[in-house]
Amino acid sequence: MIHKLGFAANDRLLIINADDFGITKGTNEAIFHLFEENSITSASIMIPCSDSNEAMEISNQKGIKNIGIHLTLTSDELNPYTPVFDKRTLNSLITTDGYFHTDVAQLEINADEDEVRIEMESQIRSAILKGIDPTHLDSHAGSLMGLFTGRDFLEVAFDLCEKYGLPFHLPNRILEQPFFNTDQRRLFQKRIASAKDRKILFIDDIVSLPYCLNPIMEYSKMKIRLAEIIKNIKPGITQLTLHPSHITDQLLALTNCYKEREMEYRLLNDIDIKQLINRERINLISWKEIRDLQRSM
């Protein structure tokens, strides 16, 4: 795929993606600023979040086109979400309180595949109806990946990738990760082969900073860690996944990991990090180029 994008086989391409777009107003403000400063190349929006409508409205006003869908089927511990689909109750996806499960294993055990499809497509359609032309699909909290019980929903997601002409964020090098067991690797190998048959494009790798550490790593050490990650990026297409945000009362109420989110925002704006990317001759791209290539095939 890399040569079809106009690059050589040994070139290093990097997507800098801001996850959790729409989770708070402070997150939206941080991501808009990062786009304006060319500090990120992509964002993934969580449609069930309370401030996703604002995120999409302002993105349209600012002409931001590089937005994918962070398919959300689970709630965070301090932040419950409800399904976007509202024509009937999707009982298999929710608790007795009406919210998505916080435990991904419970989703894998209980979810009806048709209801998974209905909700995921509702999130995609909601974005499209609000003027967003999605660039890709990915999975919030790995809830589609079958990481806990082995029951995944990737083929359902691939159906939607085919329908809407979208790549999916499942990196090919996931098979090299040492923390996956034999059954998980076998599952991913099967799914990657399926996507290839369907002509759904993947990137090669994903990298990220340590998140929600206790104790929290100080900024200077986190900066060194990010610099090491950048220097060690391999040939091919890699996504750097971060969760940038301003710290607000709203964010404090939603997550205990607010300091890391603010730190990631600062790191993305750090001139030393930007200069390092240039010195390493890393080419910045977005999911939009991959999507457009997939649609042209």
Protein backbone atom coordinates (compact mmCIF):
# COMPACT_ATOMS: atom_id res chain seq x y z
CA MET A 1 0.00 0.00 0.00
CA ILE A 2 2.78 2.44 0.87
CA HIS A 3 4.01 2.74 -2.72
CA LYS A 4 0.47 3.51 -3.88
CA LEU A 5 0.59 6.53 -1.60
CA GLY A 6 3.74 7.72 -3.39
CA PHE A 7 6.36 6.55 -0.89
CA ALA A 8 9.25 4.08 -0.95
CA ALA A 9 9.12 0.76 0.89
CA ASN A 10 11.55 1.92 3.58
CA ASP A 11 9.84 5.27 4.23
CA ARG A 12 8.30 5.90 7.64
CA LEU A 13 4.80 7.35 7.60
CA LEU A 14 3.08 8.59 10.75
CA ILE A 15 -0.54 9.33 11.56
CA ILE A 16 -0.83 11.40 14.75
CA ASN A 17 -4.34 10.63 15.98
CA ALA A 18 -6.22 12.32 18.81
CA ASP A 19 -8.61 9.84 20.38
CA ASP A 20 -11.80 10.62 22.32
CA PHE A 21 -12.80 13.67 20.28
CA GLY A 22 -16.13 14.87 21.66
CA ILE A 23 -15.67 13.57 25.21
CA THR A 24 -15.57 17.08 26.76
CA LYS A 25 -15.55 20.69 25.59
CA GLY A 26 -11.98 21.03 26.85
CA THR A 27 -10.95 18.03 24.78
CA ASN A 28 -12.58 19.56 21.72
CA GLU A 29 -10.77 22.87 22.27
CA ALA A 30 -7.43 21.09 22.63
CA ILE A 31 -7.95 19.04 19.47
CA PHE A 32 -9.06 22.06 17.42
CA HIS A 33 -5.91 23.88 18.50
CA LEU A 34 -3.74 20.90 17.61
CA PHE A 35 -5.29 20.75 14.13
CA GLU A 36 -4.68 24.48 13.68
CA GLU A 37 -1.03 24.05 14.67
CA ASN A 38 -0.60 20.99 12.42
CA SER A 39 0.34 19.04 15.56
CA ILE A 40 -2.05 16.18 14.73
CA THR A 41 -3.18 14.73 11.43
CA SER A 42 -6.32 12.89 12.53
CA ALA A 43 -8.93 12.53 15.26
CA SER A 44 -11.40 9.82 16.26
CA ILE A 45 -14.77 10.99 17.52
CA MET A 46 -16.89 9.25 20.16
CA ILE A 47 -20.44 9.84 18.95
CA PRO A 48 -22.21 8.78 22.21
CA CYS A 49 -20.35 11.49 24.16
CA SER A 50 -22.18 14.61 25.26
CA ASP A 51 -19.95 17.05 23.36
CA SER A 52 -19.61 15.14 20.09
CA ASN A 53 -22.25 17.32 18.40
CA GLU A 54 -20.23 20.41 19.25
CA ALA A 55 -17.09 18.72 17.94
CA MET A 56 -18.74 17.95 14.60
CA GLU A 57 -20.39 21.36 14.27
CA ILE A 58 -17.16 23.28 14.84
CA SER A 59 -15.19 20.85 12.65
CA ASN A 60 -17.54 21.69 9.80
CA GLN A 61 -17.12 25.41 10.46
CA LYS A 62 -13.34 25.08 10.49
CA GLY A 63 -13.22 22.74 7.49
CA ILE A 64 -11.59 19.88 9.40
CA LYS A 65 -11.88 16.73 7.28
CA ASN A 66 -9.67 14.19 9.07
CA ILE A 67 -12.14 12.65 11.49
CA GLY A 68 -12.79 8.94 12.00
CA ILE A 69 -15.35 7.16 14.14
CA HIS A 70 -14.21 5.80 17.51
CA LEU A 71 -16.85 3.07 17.65
CA THR A 72 -18.06 3.03 21.25
CA LEU A 73 -19.88 0.08 22.79
CA THR A 74 -18.68 0.38 26.40
CA SER A 75 -18.78 3.00 29.14
CA ASP A 76 -15.79 4.28 31.06
CA GLU A 77 -15.78 3.81 34.84
CA LEU A 78 -16.67 7.43 35.62
CA ASN A 79 -18.41 8.17 32.36
CA PRO A 80 -21.49 6.12 31.35
CA TYR A 81 -22.74 6.25 27.75
CA THR A 82 -26.04 5.25 26.20
CA PRO A 83 -26.58 3.90 22.68
CA VAL A 84 -27.00 6.36 19.83
CA PHE A 85 -29.70 4.19 18.25
CA ASP A 86 -33.01 5.15 19.85
CA LYS A 87 -35.72 3.49 17.76
CA ARG A 88 -35.86 0.62 20.23
CA THR A 89 -33.91 -0.56 23.25
CA LEU A 90 -30.76 -2.53 22.46
CA ASN A 91 -31.07 -4.72 25.52
CA SER A 92 -28.03 -6.89 24.86
CA LEU A 93 -25.69 -3.88 24.87
CA ILE A 94 -26.78 -2.22 28.10
CA THR A 95 -27.05 -2.78 31.83
CA THR A 96 -30.28 -2.56 33.82
CA ASP A 97 -29.50 1.17 34.23
CA GLY A 98 -29.62 1.66 30.47
CA TYR A 99 -25.90 2.34 29.97
CA PHE A 100 -23.22 0.47 28.04
CA HIS A 101 -21.28 -2.04 30.13
CA THR A 102 -18.06 -0.80 31.72
CA ASP A 103 -16.66 -4.34 31.56
CA VAL A 104 -15.70 -5.28 27.98
CA ALA A 105 -16.01 -8.96 28.86
CA GLN A 106 -19.70 -8.42 29.66
CA LEU A 107 -20.21 -6.87 26.24
CA GLU A 108 -18.50 -9.82 24.56
CA ILE A 109 -20.64 -12.29 26.52
CA ASN A 110 -24.00 -10.54 26.21
CA ALA A 111 -24.04 -8.60 22.94
CA ASP A 112 -26.32 -9.68 20.13
CA GLU A 113 -24.42 -9.32 16.86
CA ASP A 114 -27.35 -7.65 15.08
CA GLU A 115 -27.61 -5.07 17.85
CA VAL A 116 -23.86 -4.43 17.64
CA ARG A 117 -24.29 -3.79 13.93
CA ILE A 118 -27.29 -1.49 14.49
CA GLU A 119 -25.48 0.62 17.07
CA MET A 120 -22.20 0.90 15.16
CA GLU A 121 -23.97 1.91 11.98
CA SER A 122 -26.04 4.43 13.92
CA GLN A 123 -22.85 6.07 15.13
CA ILE A 124 -21.47 6.22 11.58
CA ARG A 125 -24.76 7.53 10.16
CA SER A 126 -25.05 10.13 12.91
CA ALA A 127 -21.67 11.56 11.93
CA ILE A 128 -22.50 11.54 8.22
CA LEU A 129 -25.84 13.27 8.80
CA LYS A 130 -23.97 16.01 10.67
CA GLY A 131 -21.65 16.65 7.73
CA ILE A 132 -18.72 14.39 8.61
CA ASP A 133 -17.22 12.18 5.89
CA PRO A 134 -15.50 9.62 8.15
CA THR A 135 -11.92 8.70 7.36
CA HIS A 136 -11.73 5.38 9.24
CA LEU A 137 -13.24 3.20 11.95
CA ASP A 138 -11.61 2.13 15.17
CA SER A 139 -12.61 0.55 18.45
CA HIS A 140 -12.95 2.33 21.80
CA ALA A 141 -11.39 0.29 24.62
CA GLY A 142 -10.77 -2.59 22.19
CA SER A 143 -14.40 -3.60 22.57
CA LEU A 144 -14.59 -5.16 19.09
CA MET A 145 -11.42 -7.18 19.41
CA GLY A 146 -12.43 -10.20 21.50
CA LEU A 147 -9.59 -9.57 23.94
CA PHE A 148 -11.33 -10.94 27.02
CA THR A 149 -13.44 -13.94 26.01
CA GLY A 150 -12.34 -14.46 22.40
CA ARG A 151 -15.69 -13.32 21.00
CA ASP A 152 -14.96 -10.41 18.66
CA PHE A 153 -17.12 -8.23 16.40
CA LEU A 154 -14.52 -7.38 13.79
CA GLU A 155 -16.35 -9.01 10.89
CA VAL A 156 -19.40 -6.85 11.69
CA ALA A 157 -17.14 -3.79 11.62
CA PHE A 158 -15.64 -4.97 8.32
CA ASP A 159 -19.14 -5.18 6.82
CA LEU A 160 -19.54 -1.49 7.64
CA CYS A 161 -16.07 -0.71 6.30
CA GLU A 162 -17.12 -2.22 2.99
CA LYS A 163 -20.47 -0.44 2.99
CA TYR A 164 -19.01 3.00 3.68
CA GLY A 165 -15.63 2.60 2.00
CA LEU A 166 -13.56 2.96 5.17
CA PRO A 167 -10.27 1.48 6.42
CA PHE A 168 -10.14 -0.05 9.89
CA HIS A 169 -7.62 0.54 12.63
CA LEU A 170 -6.22 -2.96 13.14
CA PRO A 171 -2.47 -2.78 12.52
CA ASN A 172 -0.78 -5.65 10.72
CA ARG A 173 1.97 -5.82 13.33
CA ILE A 174 -0.54 -6.67 16.03
CA LEU A 175 0.54 -10.26 15.34
CA GLU A 176 4.02 -9.41 16.68
CA GLN A 177 2.81 -8.22 20.09
CA PRO A 178 4.22 -10.50 22.81
CA PHE A 179 1.30 -10.03 25.22
CA PHE A 180 -1.22 -11.81 22.98
CA ASN A 181 -1.69 -15.54 23.40
CA THR A 182 -1.78 -18.10 20.61
CA ASP A 183 -5.58 -18.02 20.26
CA GLN A 184 -5.62 -14.23 20.02
CA ARG A 185 -2.91 -14.20 17.37
CA ARG A 186 -4.77 -16.85 15.42
CA LEU A 187 -7.96 -14.76 15.58
CA PHE A 188 -6.19 -11.59 14.41
CA GLN A 189 -4.45 -13.48 11.62
CA LYS A 190 -7.82 -14.73 10.42
CA ARG A 191 -9.39 -11.27 10.61
CA ILE A 192 -6.49 -9.60 8.81
CA ALA A 193 -6.80 -12.15 5.99
CA SER A 194 -10.54 -11.50 5.82
CA ALA A 195 -10.05 -7.75 5.57
CA LYS A 196 -7.46 -8.23 2.84
CA ASP A 197 -9.95 -10.32 0.85
CA ARG A 198 -12.50 -7.53 1.29
CA LYS A 199 -9.92 -4.91 0.15
CA ILE A 200 -10.17 -3.10 3.50
CA LEU A 201 -6.91 -1.29 4.16
CA PHE A 202 -4.95 -1.47 7.43
CA ILE A 203 -1.95 0.42 8.70
CA ASP A 204 1.17 -1.41 9.87
CA ASP A 205 1.66 -0.42 13.50
CA ILE A 206 0.37 1.54 16.49
CA VAL A 207 2.39 3.23 19.22
CA SER A 208 1.35 5.17 22.30
CA LEU A 209 2.64 6.55 25.57
CA PRO A 210 2.10 4.86 28.93
CA TYR A 211 -1.32 5.91 30.18
CA CYS A 212 -2.88 6.17 33.63
CA LEU A 213 0.29 5.33 35.50
CA ASN A 214 0.58 5.43 39.26
CA PRO A 215 2.65 7.40 40.09
CA ILE A 216 2.27 9.72 37.11
CA MET A 217 5.41 10.15 35.03
CA GLU A 218 6.70 13.73 35.04
CA TYR A 219 6.67 15.75 31.81
CA SER A 220 10.41 15.59 31.12
CA LYS A 221 10.45 11.80 31.39
CA MET A 222 7.32 11.46 29.27
CA LYS A 223 8.96 13.66 26.65
CA ILE A 224 12.02 11.38 26.59
CA ARG A 225 9.71 8.37 26.22
CA LEU A 226 7.87 9.97 23.29
CA ALA A 227 11.18 10.87 21.62
CA GLU A 228 12.28 7.22 21.90
CA ILE A 229 9.01 6.06 20.38
CA ILE A 230 9.42 8.44 17.44
CA LYS A 231 13.03 7.41 16.79
CA ASN A 232 12.04 3.73 16.80
CA ILE A 233 9.16 3.99 14.36
CA LYS A 234 9.57 1.32 11.70
CA PRO A 235 9.13 1.60 7.91
CA GLY A 236 5.49 1.55 6.86
CA ILE A 237 2.47 3.36 8.28
CA THR A 238 2.29 3.84 12.05
CA GLN A 239 -0.33 5.58 14.17
CA LEU A 240 0.69 7.49 17.28
CA THR A 241 -2.40 7.43 19.48
CA LEU A 242 -2.83 10.11 22.15
CA HIS A 243 -5.72 11.53 24.20
CA PRO A 244 -5.03 15.29 24.34
CA SER A 245 -7.24 17.58 26.40
CA HIS A 246 -7.37 20.71 28.47
CA ILE A 247 -8.05 20.03 32.14
CA THR A 248 -11.55 21.22 33.03
CA ASP A 249 -14.03 20.43 35.77
CA GLN A 250 -15.87 18.32 33.22
CA LEU A 251 -12.75 16.22 32.52
CA LEU A 252 -12.02 15.87 36.25
CA ALA A 253 -15.47 14.36 36.70
CA LEU A 254 -14.95 11.85 33.89
CA THR A 255 -11.50 10.37 34.40
CA ASN A 256 -8.75 9.99 36.95
CA CYS A 257 -6.20 10.21 34.12
CA TYR A 258 -6.71 13.89 33.36
CA LYS A 259 -3.06 14.86 34.00
CA GLU A 260 -1.84 12.47 31.32
CA ARG A 261 -4.32 13.91 28.82
CA GLU A 262 -3.13 17.45 29.46
CA MET A 263 0.49 16.29 29.27
CA GLU A 264 -0.13 14.63 25.91
CA TYR A 265 -1.63 17.89 24.64
CA ARG A 266 1.51 19.77 25.71
CA LEU A 267 3.79 17.15 24.16
CA LEU A 268 2.08 17.40 20.79
CA ASN A 269 2.68 21.15 20.83
CA ASP A 270 6.29 20.79 22.00
CA ILE A 271 8.65 22.28 19.41
CA ASP A 272 11.35 19.73 20.27
CA ILE A 273 8.99 16.87 19.37
CA LYS A 274 8.01 18.54 16.11
CA GLN A 275 11.65 19.13 15.19
CA LEU A 276 12.52 15.52 16.04
CA ILE A 277 9.86 14.25 13.62
CA ASN A 278 11.41 16.43 10.91
CA ARG A 279 14.98 15.33 11.71
CA GLU A 280 13.93 11.69 11.61
CA ARG A 281 12.46 12.31 8.14
CA ILE A 282 9.14 10.89 9.17
CA ASN A 283 6.33 11.69 6.75
CA LEU A 284 3.07 12.83 8.33
CA ILE A 285 -0.10 11.55 6.71
CA SER A 286 -3.73 11.14 7.75
CA TRP A 287 -6.37 8.42 7.52
CA LYS A 288 -7.98 10.43 4.74
CA GLU A 289 -5.24 9.43 2.26
CA ILE A 290 -5.73 5.78 3.17
CA ARG A 291 -9.51 6.04 2.87
CA ASP A 292 -9.27 7.77 -0.51
CA LEU A 293 -6.87 5.06 -1.73
CA GLN A 294 -9.25 2.33 -0.57
CA ARG A 295 -12.17 3.99 -2.34
CA SER A 296 -10.18 4.21 -5.56
CA MET A 297 -9.33 0.50 -5.65
